[in-house]
Amino acid sequence: MFNSVFNAYSRYYELLYQDKDYAGEVAYVRDLLYRHGINQGDLLEFGSGTGKHGRLLAAQGYTVHGIERSSEMMAQADAAPGFTCQQGDICTVQLDRTFNGVISLFHVVSYQVSNGLLRAVFQNAAAHLEKGGLFIFDFWYTPAVYAQQPSVRVKRMSDAKLEITRIAEPDIYANENRVDVNYTIYACNNSDGSVQILQEKHPMRHFSLPEIDILAEITDFHRVGAEEFLTKSKPSPRTWSVCVCLQKV
């Protein structure tokens, strides 16, 4: 399922997320790294997208290498001092080197909907970390998904060339801890009024902390932190996005 994700969506990704606070997110990740003693060094980013997080972290003094599966997203990722990236599968890529930290942001781990994919990602993170290194990632939090229930959402963004309307419609699979988000994107060209319609399905898995702890235990990690992404609050049924820090043992 992941092969098709972001293929069409990537065309309008930057416009759809032009309001995303990348600088704030990078400041938060940097603080997490500082709290666990990683003030500098090499970071590996799983799911580096168009490279915005990686470039901003590189500007903070880290050396960052990104792995991105989507060729369409990679095409929009520019290298910068301290930041490089390559196309690859985060489940299988082998770089023959280790890093101080592995980061995976914007719910990339939630896209790993099968147990096999999850275990492969955790094992591959561990294989690329030094002892004591950190695996930092955010994900959809099961208590919040059940308490709040995903609903239909509409987002509209525009620039000088385009007006975008994105409709997100969820299909909920409670017994699989999965929500399939069905995106329909209407892209109106301002110059001639033409409209392109794109559709993609994004399967998303949500997790409880005990589930994360089991995965950590079988892949040579232990959990050293869990909090609401950005706010640092204790996870609760109001917390849709939780960020976890795992340390390689």
C-alpha atoms as a PDB file:
ATOM      1  CA  MET A   1       0.000   0.000   0.000  1.00  0.00           C
ATOM      2  CA  PHE A   2       2.826   2.407   0.803  1.00  0.00           C
ATOM      3  CA  ASN A   3       4.174   2.350  -2.749  1.00  0.00           C
ATOM      4  CA  SER A   4       1.402   4.607  -4.046  1.00  0.00           C
ATOM      5  CA  VAL A   5       1.264   6.951  -1.054  1.00  0.00           C
ATOM      6  CA  PHE A   6       2.399  10.485  -1.931  1.00  0.00           C
ATOM      7  CA  ASN A   7       2.751   9.730  -5.654  1.00  0.00           C
ATOM      8  CA  ALA A   8       0.022  12.187  -6.685  1.00  0.00           C
ATOM      9  CA  TYR A   9      -0.181  13.893  -3.300  1.00  0.00           C
ATOM     10  CA  SER A  10       3.420  15.101  -3.544  1.00  0.00           C
ATOM     11  CA  ARG A  11       2.540  17.488  -6.385  1.00  0.00           C
ATOM     12  CA  TYR A  12       0.725  19.741  -3.942  1.00  0.00           C
ATOM     13  CA  TYR A  13       2.501  18.801  -0.718  1.00  0.00           C
ATOM     14  CA  GLU A  14       4.374  22.072  -0.204  1.00  0.00           C
ATOM     15  CA  LEU A  15       1.247  24.172  -0.767  1.00  0.00           C
ATOM     16  CA  LEU A  16      -0.922  21.991   1.486  1.00  0.00           C
ATOM     17  CA  TYR A  17       1.594  22.267   4.323  1.00  0.00           C
ATOM     18  CA  GLN A  18       2.814  25.817   3.841  1.00  0.00           C
ATOM     19  CA  ASP A  19       1.294  26.593   7.259  1.00  0.00           C
ATOM     20  CA  LYS A  20       3.248  23.800   8.982  1.00  0.00           C
ATOM     21  CA  ASP A  21       5.601  25.099  11.684  1.00  0.00           C
ATOM     22  CA  TYR A  22       8.780  23.339  10.592  1.00  0.00           C
ATOM     23  CA  ALA A  23      10.989  25.712  12.590  1.00  0.00           C
ATOM     24  CA  GLY A  24       8.999  25.052  15.768  1.00  0.00           C
ATOM     25  CA  GLU A  25       9.107  21.303  15.222  1.00  0.00           C
ATOM     26  CA  VAL A  26      12.863  21.360  14.675  1.00  0.00           C
ATOM     27  CA  ALA A  27      13.349  23.446  17.823  1.00  0.00           C
ATOM     28  CA  TYR A  28      11.335  20.835  19.718  1.00  0.00           C
ATOM     29  CA  VAL A  29      13.394  17.926  18.313  1.00  0.00           C
ATOM     30  CA  ARG A  30      16.612  19.766  19.062  1.00  0.00           C
ATOM     31  CA  ASP A  31      15.443  20.219  22.657  1.00  0.00           C
ATOM     32  CA  LEU A  32      14.706  16.477  22.895  1.00  0.00           C
ATOM     33  CA  LEU A  33      18.183  15.689  21.629  1.00  0.00           C
ATOM     34  CA  TYR A  34      19.728  18.136  24.093  1.00  0.00           C
ATOM     35  CA  ARG A  35      17.781  16.620  26.983  1.00  0.00           C
ATOM     36  CA  HIS A  36      19.358  13.266  26.194  1.00  0.00           C
ATOM     37  CA  GLY A  37      22.871  14.561  25.712  1.00  0.00           C
ATOM     38  CA  ILE A  38      23.051  14.740  21.911  1.00  0.00           C
ATOM     39  CA  ASN A  39      24.180  18.327  21.412  1.00  0.00           C
ATOM     40  CA  GLN A  40      25.870  17.635  18.090  1.00  0.00           C
ATOM     41  CA  GLY A  41      26.689  14.753  15.770  1.00  0.00           C
ATOM     42  CA  ASP A  42      25.162  12.691  12.978  1.00  0.00           C
ATOM     43  CA  LEU A  43      21.446  12.118  12.513  1.00  0.00           C
ATOM     44  CA  LEU A  44      19.634   9.724  10.178  1.00  0.00           C
ATOM     45  CA  GLU A  45      16.133  10.772   9.145  1.00  0.00           C
ATOM     46  CA  PHE A  46      13.633   8.063   8.211  1.00  0.00           C
ATOM     47  CA  GLY A  47      11.086   9.542   5.809  1.00  0.00           C
ATOM     48  CA  SER A  48      12.806  12.823   5.038  1.00  0.00           C
ATOM     49  CA  GLY A  49      10.159  14.029   2.571  1.00  0.00           C
ATOM     50  CA  THR A  50      11.134  17.271   0.870  1.00  0.00           C
ATOM     51  CA  GLY A  51      13.988  17.784   3.342  1.00  0.00           C
ATOM     52  CA  LYS A  52      12.698  20.723   5.371  1.00  0.00           C
ATOM     53  CA  HIS A  53      13.274  19.156   8.800  1.00  0.00           C
ATOM     54  CA  GLY A  54      16.693  17.877   7.763  1.00  0.00           C
ATOM     55  CA  ARG A  55      17.901  21.184   6.374  1.00  0.00           C
ATOM     56  CA  LEU A  56      16.768  23.077   9.479  1.00  0.00           C
ATOM     57  CA  LEU A  57      18.463  20.564  11.786  1.00  0.00           C
ATOM     58  CA  ALA A  58      21.629  20.870   9.725  1.00  0.00           C
ATOM     59  CA  ALA A  59      21.467  24.628  10.225  1.00  0.00           C
ATOM     60  CA  GLN A  60      21.512  23.896  13.983  1.00  0.00           C
ATOM     61  CA  GLY A  61      24.891  22.181  13.646  1.00  0.00           C
ATOM     62  CA  TYR A  62      23.913  18.532  13.088  1.00  0.00           C
ATOM     63  CA  THR A  63      24.908  16.470  10.069  1.00  0.00           C
ATOM     64  CA  VAL A  64      21.730  14.920   8.689  1.00  0.00           C
ATOM     65  CA  HIS A  65      21.212  12.200   6.087  1.00  0.00           C
ATOM     66  CA  GLY A  66      17.661  11.532   4.926  1.00  0.00           C
ATOM     67  CA  ILE A  67      16.012   8.415   3.515  1.00  0.00           C
ATOM     68  CA  GLU A  68      12.855   8.933   1.452  1.00  0.00           C
ATOM     69  CA  ARG A  69      10.952   6.265  -0.461  1.00  0.00           C
ATOM     70  CA  SER A  70       8.851   8.515  -2.697  1.00  0.00           C
ATOM     71  CA  SER A  71      10.729   9.593  -5.816  1.00  0.00           C
ATOM     72  CA  GLU A  72       8.257  12.449  -6.234  1.00  0.00           C
ATOM     73  CA  MET A  73       9.055  13.800  -2.764  1.00  0.00           C
ATOM     74  CA  MET A  74      12.781  13.284  -3.300  1.00  0.00           C
ATOM     75  CA  ALA A  75      12.608  15.382  -6.453  1.00  0.00           C
ATOM     76  CA  GLN A  76      11.624  18.350  -4.294  1.00  0.00           C
ATOM     77  CA  ALA A  77      14.407  17.818  -1.712  1.00  0.00           C
ATOM     78  CA  ASP A  78      17.420  20.068  -2.153  1.00  0.00           C
ATOM     79  CA  ALA A  79      20.763  19.303  -0.552  1.00  0.00           C
ATOM     80  CA  ALA A  80      22.203  21.929   1.789  1.00  0.00           C
ATOM     81  CA  PRO A  81      25.335  22.282   3.932  1.00  0.00           C
ATOM     82  CA  GLY A  82      25.139  19.443   6.442  1.00  0.00           C
ATOM     83  CA  PHE A  83      22.112  17.799   4.804  1.00  0.00           C
ATOM     84  CA  THR A  84      22.072  15.014   2.222  1.00  0.00           C
ATOM     85  CA  CYS A  85      19.374  12.544   1.227  1.00  0.00           C
ATOM     86  CA  GLN A  86      18.777   9.499  -0.918  1.00  0.00           C
ATOM     87  CA  GLN A  87      15.869   7.457  -2.150  1.00  0.00           C
ATOM     88  CA  GLY A  88      15.403   4.248  -0.194  1.00  0.00           C
ATOM     89  CA  ASP A  89      13.182   2.055   1.943  1.00  0.00           C
ATOM     90  CA  ILE A  90      13.520   2.715   5.681  1.00  0.00           C
ATOM     91  CA  CYS A  91      12.771  -0.958   6.341  1.00  0.00           C
ATOM     92  CA  THR A  92      15.752  -2.259   4.384  1.00  0.00           C
ATOM     93  CA  VAL A  93      18.288   0.487   3.625  1.00  0.00           C
ATOM     94  CA  GLN A  94      21.832  -0.318   4.794  1.00  0.00           C
ATOM     95  CA  LEU A  95      24.336   2.517   5.034  1.00  0.00           C
ATOM     96  CA  ASP A  96      27.261   0.688   6.677  1.00  0.00           C
ATOM     97  CA  ARG A  97      27.648   3.414   9.296  1.00  0.00           C
ATOM     98  CA  THR A  98      26.111   4.413  12.609  1.00  0.00           C
ATOM     99  CA  PHE A  99      24.579   7.647  13.844  1.00  0.00           C
ATOM    100  CA  ASN A 100      23.996   9.418  17.148  1.00  0.00           C
ATOM    101  CA  GLY A 101      20.278   9.553  16.505  1.00  0.00           C
ATOM    102  CA  VAL A 102      17.547   8.362  14.153  1.00  0.00           C
ATOM    103  CA  ILE A 103      14.529  10.646  13.758  1.00  0.00           C
ATOM    104  CA  SER A 104      11.257   9.981  11.982  1.00  0.00           C
ATOM    105  CA  LEU A 105       8.725  12.811  11.966  1.00  0.00           C
ATOM    106  CA  PHE A 106       5.221  13.606  10.730  1.00  0.00           C
ATOM    107  CA  HIS A 107       3.833  10.173  11.648  1.00  0.00           C
ATOM    108  CA  VAL A 108       6.032   8.169   9.284  1.00  0.00           C
ATOM    109  CA  VAL A 109       5.968   5.273  11.777  1.00  0.00           C
ATOM    110  CA  SER A 110       2.147   5.275  11.641  1.00  0.00           C
ATOM    111  CA  TYR A 111       2.391   4.460   7.928  1.00  0.00           C
ATOM    112  CA  GLN A 112       3.941   1.108   8.889  1.00  0.00           C
ATOM    113  CA  VAL A 113       0.625  -0.696   9.231  1.00  0.00           C
ATOM    114  CA  SER A 114       1.808  -4.315   9.519  1.00  0.00           C
ATOM    115  CA  ASN A 115       3.730  -5.924  12.376  1.00  0.00           C
ATOM    116  CA  GLY A 116       6.444  -6.976   9.943  1.00  0.00           C
ATOM    117  CA  LEU A 117       7.005  -3.455   8.651  1.00  0.00           C
ATOM    118  CA  LEU A 118       7.086  -2.046  12.171  1.00  0.00           C
ATOM    119  CA  ARG A 119       9.612  -4.542  13.403  1.00  0.00           C
ATOM    120  CA  ALA A 120      11.769  -3.955  10.326  1.00  0.00           C
ATOM    121  CA  VAL A 121      11.810  -0.183  10.903  1.00  0.00           C
ATOM    122  CA  PHE A 122      12.704  -0.564  14.577  1.00  0.00           C
ATOM    123  CA  GLN A 123      15.419  -3.113  13.794  1.00  0.00           C
ATOM    124  CA  ASN A 124      16.854  -0.924  11.060  1.00  0.00           C
ATOM    125  CA  ALA A 125      16.909   2.096  13.360  1.00  0.00           C
ATOM    126  CA  ALA A 126      18.807   0.032  15.940  1.00  0.00           C
ATOM    127  CA  ALA A 127      21.256  -1.214  13.294  1.00  0.00           C
ATOM    128  CA  HIS A 128      22.162   2.379  12.411  1.00  0.00           C
ATOM    129  CA  LEU A 129      22.614   3.617  15.977  1.00  0.00           C
ATOM    130  CA  GLU A 130      25.568   3.600  18.310  1.00  0.00           C
ATOM    131  CA  LYS A 131      24.979   2.139  21.766  1.00  0.00           C
ATOM    132  CA  GLY A 132      23.049   4.759  23.730  1.00  0.00           C
ATOM    133  CA  GLY A 133      21.821   6.427  20.539  1.00  0.00           C
ATOM    134  CA  LEU A 134      18.247   7.698  20.278  1.00  0.00           C
ATOM    135  CA  PHE A 135      15.337   6.749  18.035  1.00  0.00           C
ATOM    136  CA  ILE A 136      12.866   9.663  18.096  1.00  0.00           C
ATOM    137  CA  PHE A 137       9.506   9.436  16.314  1.00  0.00           C
ATOM    138  CA  ASP A 138       5.921  10.619  16.561  1.00  0.00           C
ATOM    139  CA  PHE A 139       2.749   8.642  15.886  1.00  0.00           C
ATOM    140  CA  TRP A 140      -1.026   8.593  16.211  1.00  0.00           C
ATOM    141  CA  TYR A 141      -1.955   7.734  19.800  1.00  0.00           C
ATOM    142  CA  THR A 142      -4.577   4.996  20.258  1.00  0.00           C
ATOM    143  CA  PRO A 143      -6.401   6.469  23.303  1.00  0.00           C
ATOM    144  CA  ALA A 144      -6.937   9.734  21.426  1.00  0.00           C
ATOM    145  CA  VAL A 145      -8.077   8.030  18.229  1.00  0.00           C
ATOM    146  CA  TYR A 146     -10.731   6.086  20.144  1.00  0.00           C
ATOM    147  CA  ALA A 147     -11.774   9.020  22.317  1.00  0.00           C
ATOM    148  CA  GLN A 148     -11.976  11.630  19.556  1.00  0.00           C
ATOM    149  CA  GLN A 149     -12.846   9.472  16.515  1.00  0.00           C
ATOM    150  CA  PRO A 150     -11.453  10.591  13.138  1.00  0.00           C
ATOM    151  CA  SER A 151     -13.911  12.659  11.116  1.00  0.00           C
ATOM    152  CA  VAL A 152     -14.217  14.171   7.654  1.00  0.00           C
ATOM    153  CA  ARG A 153     -11.983  17.223   7.330  1.00  0.00           C
ATOM    154  CA  VAL A 154     -11.612  19.865   4.649  1.00  0.00           C
ATOM    155  CA  LYS A 155      -8.504  22.001   4.108  1.00  0.00           C
ATOM    156  CA  ARG A 156      -8.153  24.862   1.649  1.00  0.00           C
ATOM    157  CA  MET A 157      -4.866  26.514   0.662  1.00  0.00           C
ATOM    158  CA  SER A 158      -3.895  28.820  -2.188  1.00  0.00           C
ATOM    159  CA  ASP A 159      -1.044  30.720  -3.786  1.00  0.00           C
ATOM    160  CA  ALA A 160      -0.675  32.856  -6.904  1.00  0.00           C
ATOM    161  CA  LYS A 161      -1.045  29.842  -9.201  1.00  0.00           C
ATOM    162  CA  LEU A 162      -3.380  27.385  -7.484  1.00  0.00           C
ATOM    163  CA  GLU A 163      -6.335  26.981  -5.187  1.00  0.00           C
ATOM    164  CA  ILE A 164      -6.344  23.618  -3.425  1.00  0.00           C
ATOM    165  CA  THR A 165      -9.226  21.933  -1.634  1.00  0.00           C
ATOM    166  CA  ARG A 166      -8.389  18.690   0.168  1.00  0.00           C
ATOM    167  CA  ILE A 167     -11.077  16.448   1.607  1.00  0.00           C
ATOM    168  CA  ALA A 168      -9.966  13.735   4.061  1.00  0.00           C
ATOM    169  CA  GLU A 169     -12.472  10.943   4.707  1.00  0.00           C
ATOM    170  CA  PRO A 170     -11.586   8.214   7.236  1.00  0.00           C
ATOM    171  CA  ASP A 171     -12.383   4.509   7.196  1.00  0.00           C
ATOM    172  CA  ILE A 172     -11.872   3.138  10.714  1.00  0.00           C
ATOM    173  CA  TYR A 173     -10.678  -0.453  11.314  1.00  0.00           C
ATOM    174  CA  ALA A 174     -10.877  -0.774  15.083  1.00  0.00           C
ATOM    175  CA  ASN A 175      -9.661  -4.371  15.237  1.00  0.00           C
ATOM    176  CA  GLU A 176      -6.513  -3.493  13.284  1.00  0.00           C
ATOM    177  CA  ASN A 177      -5.643  -0.214  15.065  1.00  0.00           C
ATOM    178  CA  ARG A 178      -5.802   1.384  11.631  1.00  0.00           C
ATOM    179  CA  VAL A 179      -7.468   4.332   9.950  1.00  0.00           C
ATOM    180  CA  ASP A 180      -7.420   4.623   6.174  1.00  0.00           C
ATOM    181  CA  VAL A 181      -7.493   8.307   5.259  1.00  0.00           C
ATOM    182  CA  ASN A 182      -8.998   8.769   1.806  1.00  0.00           C
ATOM    183  CA  TYR A 183      -7.809  12.031   0.291  1.00  0.00           C
ATOM    184  CA  THR A 184      -9.517  13.800  -2.577  1.00  0.00           C
ATOM    185  CA  ILE A 185      -7.691  16.879  -3.842  1.00  0.00           C
ATOM    186  CA  TYR A 186      -9.240  19.480  -6.128  1.00  0.00           C
ATOM    187  CA  ALA A 187      -6.532  21.692  -7.660  1.00  0.00           C
ATOM    188  CA  CYS A 188      -7.812  24.743  -9.541  1.00  0.00           C
ATOM    189  CA  ASN A 189      -5.407  26.517 -11.879  1.00  0.00           C
ATOM    190  CA  ASN A 190      -5.947  30.246 -11.377  1.00  0.00           C
ATOM    191  CA  SER A 191      -4.773  31.156 -14.875  1.00  0.00           C
ATOM    192  CA  ASP A 192      -7.327  29.153 -16.857  1.00  0.00           C
ATOM    193  CA  GLY A 193      -9.797  27.804 -14.297  1.00  0.00           C
ATOM    194  CA  SER A 194      -9.012  24.160 -15.076  1.00  0.00           C
ATOM    195  CA  VAL A 195      -9.427  21.679 -12.224  1.00  0.00           C
ATOM    196  CA  GLN A 196      -7.433  18.524 -11.578  1.00  0.00           C
ATOM    197  CA  ILE A 197      -8.851  15.899  -9.237  1.00  0.00           C
ATOM    198  CA  LEU A 198      -6.511  13.480  -7.430  1.00  0.00           C
ATOM    199  CA  GLN A 199      -7.292  10.666  -5.017  1.00  0.00           C
ATOM    200  CA  GLU A 200      -5.040   8.693  -2.664  1.00  0.00           C
ATOM    201  CA  LYS A 201      -5.520   6.369   0.277  1.00  0.00           C
ATOM    202  CA  HIS A 202      -3.158   6.742   3.254  1.00  0.00           C
ATOM    203  CA  PRO A 203      -3.389   3.780   5.689  1.00  0.00           C
ATOM    204  CA  MET A 204      -2.385   4.953   9.178  1.00  0.00           C
ATOM    205  CA  ARG A 205      -1.789   2.774  12.233  1.00  0.00           C
ATOM    206  CA  HIS A 206      -2.128   4.095  15.771  1.00  0.00           C
ATOM    207  CA  PHE A 207      -0.294   2.837  18.855  1.00  0.00           C
ATOM    208  CA  SER A 208      -0.519   2.607  22.620  1.00  0.00           C
ATOM    209  CA  LEU A 209       2.569   3.018  24.768  1.00  0.00           C
ATOM    210  CA  PRO A 210       2.572  -0.658  25.883  1.00  0.00           C
ATOM    211  CA  GLU A 211       2.600  -1.640  22.200  1.00  0.00           C
ATOM    212  CA  ILE A 212       5.585   0.638  21.577  1.00  0.00           C
ATOM    213  CA  ASP A 213       7.353  -0.809  24.628  1.00  0.00           C
ATOM    214  CA  ILE A 214       6.971  -4.376  23.346  1.00  0.00           C
ATOM    215  CA  LEU A 215       8.414  -3.385  19.970  1.00  0.00           C
ATOM    216  CA  ALA A 216      11.257  -1.597  21.751  1.00  0.00           C
ATOM    217  CA  GLU A 217      12.085  -4.598  23.915  1.00  0.00           C
ATOM    218  CA  ILE A 218      12.373  -7.022  21.000  1.00  0.00           C
ATOM    219  CA  THR A 219      14.545  -4.635  18.934  1.00  0.00           C
ATOM    220  CA  ASP A 220      17.158  -3.689  21.574  1.00  0.00           C
ATOM    221  CA  PHE A 221      15.625  -0.421  22.731  1.00  0.00           C
ATOM    222  CA  HIS A 222      14.137   0.885  25.952  1.00  0.00           C
ATOM    223  CA  ARG A 223      11.839   3.867  26.243  1.00  0.00           C
ATOM    224  CA  VAL A 224      13.317   6.940  27.913  1.00  0.00           C
ATOM    225  CA  GLY A 225      10.551   9.415  27.126  1.00  0.00           C
ATOM    226  CA  ALA A 226       6.985   9.831  25.875  1.00  0.00           C
ATOM    227  CA  GLU A 227       5.099  13.117  25.603  1.00  0.00           C
ATOM    228  CA  GLU A 228       2.742  15.095  23.433  1.00  0.00           C
ATOM    229  CA  PHE A 229       4.535  16.306  20.325  1.00  0.00           C
ATOM    230  CA  LEU A 230       5.537  19.982  20.685  1.00  0.00           C
ATOM    231  CA  THR A 231       3.733  20.702  23.978  1.00  0.00           C
ATOM    232  CA  LYS A 232       5.706  18.151  26.075  1.00  0.00           C
ATOM    233  CA  SER A 233       2.501  17.338  27.991  1.00  0.00           C
ATOM    234  CA  LYS A 234       1.776  13.891  29.404  1.00  0.00           C
ATOM    235  CA  PRO A 235      -0.048  11.730  26.816  1.00  0.00           C
ATOM    236  CA  SER A 236      -3.816  11.581  27.344  1.00  0.00           C
ATOM    237  CA  PRO A 237      -6.992  10.813  25.358  1.00  0.00           C
ATOM    238  CA  ARG A 238      -6.744  14.414  24.136  1.00  0.00           C
ATOM    239  CA  THR A 239      -3.265  13.786  22.697  1.00  0.00           C
ATOM    240  CA  TRP A 240      -3.496  12.875  19.023  1.00  0.00           C
ATOM    241  CA  SER A 241       0.264  12.959  18.359  1.00  0.00           C
ATOM    242  CA  VAL A 242       2.723  11.409  20.823  1.00  0.00           C
ATOM    243  CA  CYS A 243       6.491  11.597  20.485  1.00  0.00           C
ATOM    244  CA  VAL A 244       8.637   8.815  21.912  1.00  0.00           C
ATOM    245  CA  CYS A 245      12.361   8.600  22.603  1.00  0.00           C
ATOM    246  CA  LEU A 246      13.860   5.124  22.554  1.00  0.00           C
ATOM    247  CA  GLN A 247      17.463   4.487  23.531  1.00  0.00           C
ATOM    248  CA  LYS A 248      19.523   1.657  22.097  1.00  0.00           C
ATOM    249  CA  VAL A 249      20.687  -0.694  24.855  1.00  0.00           C
END
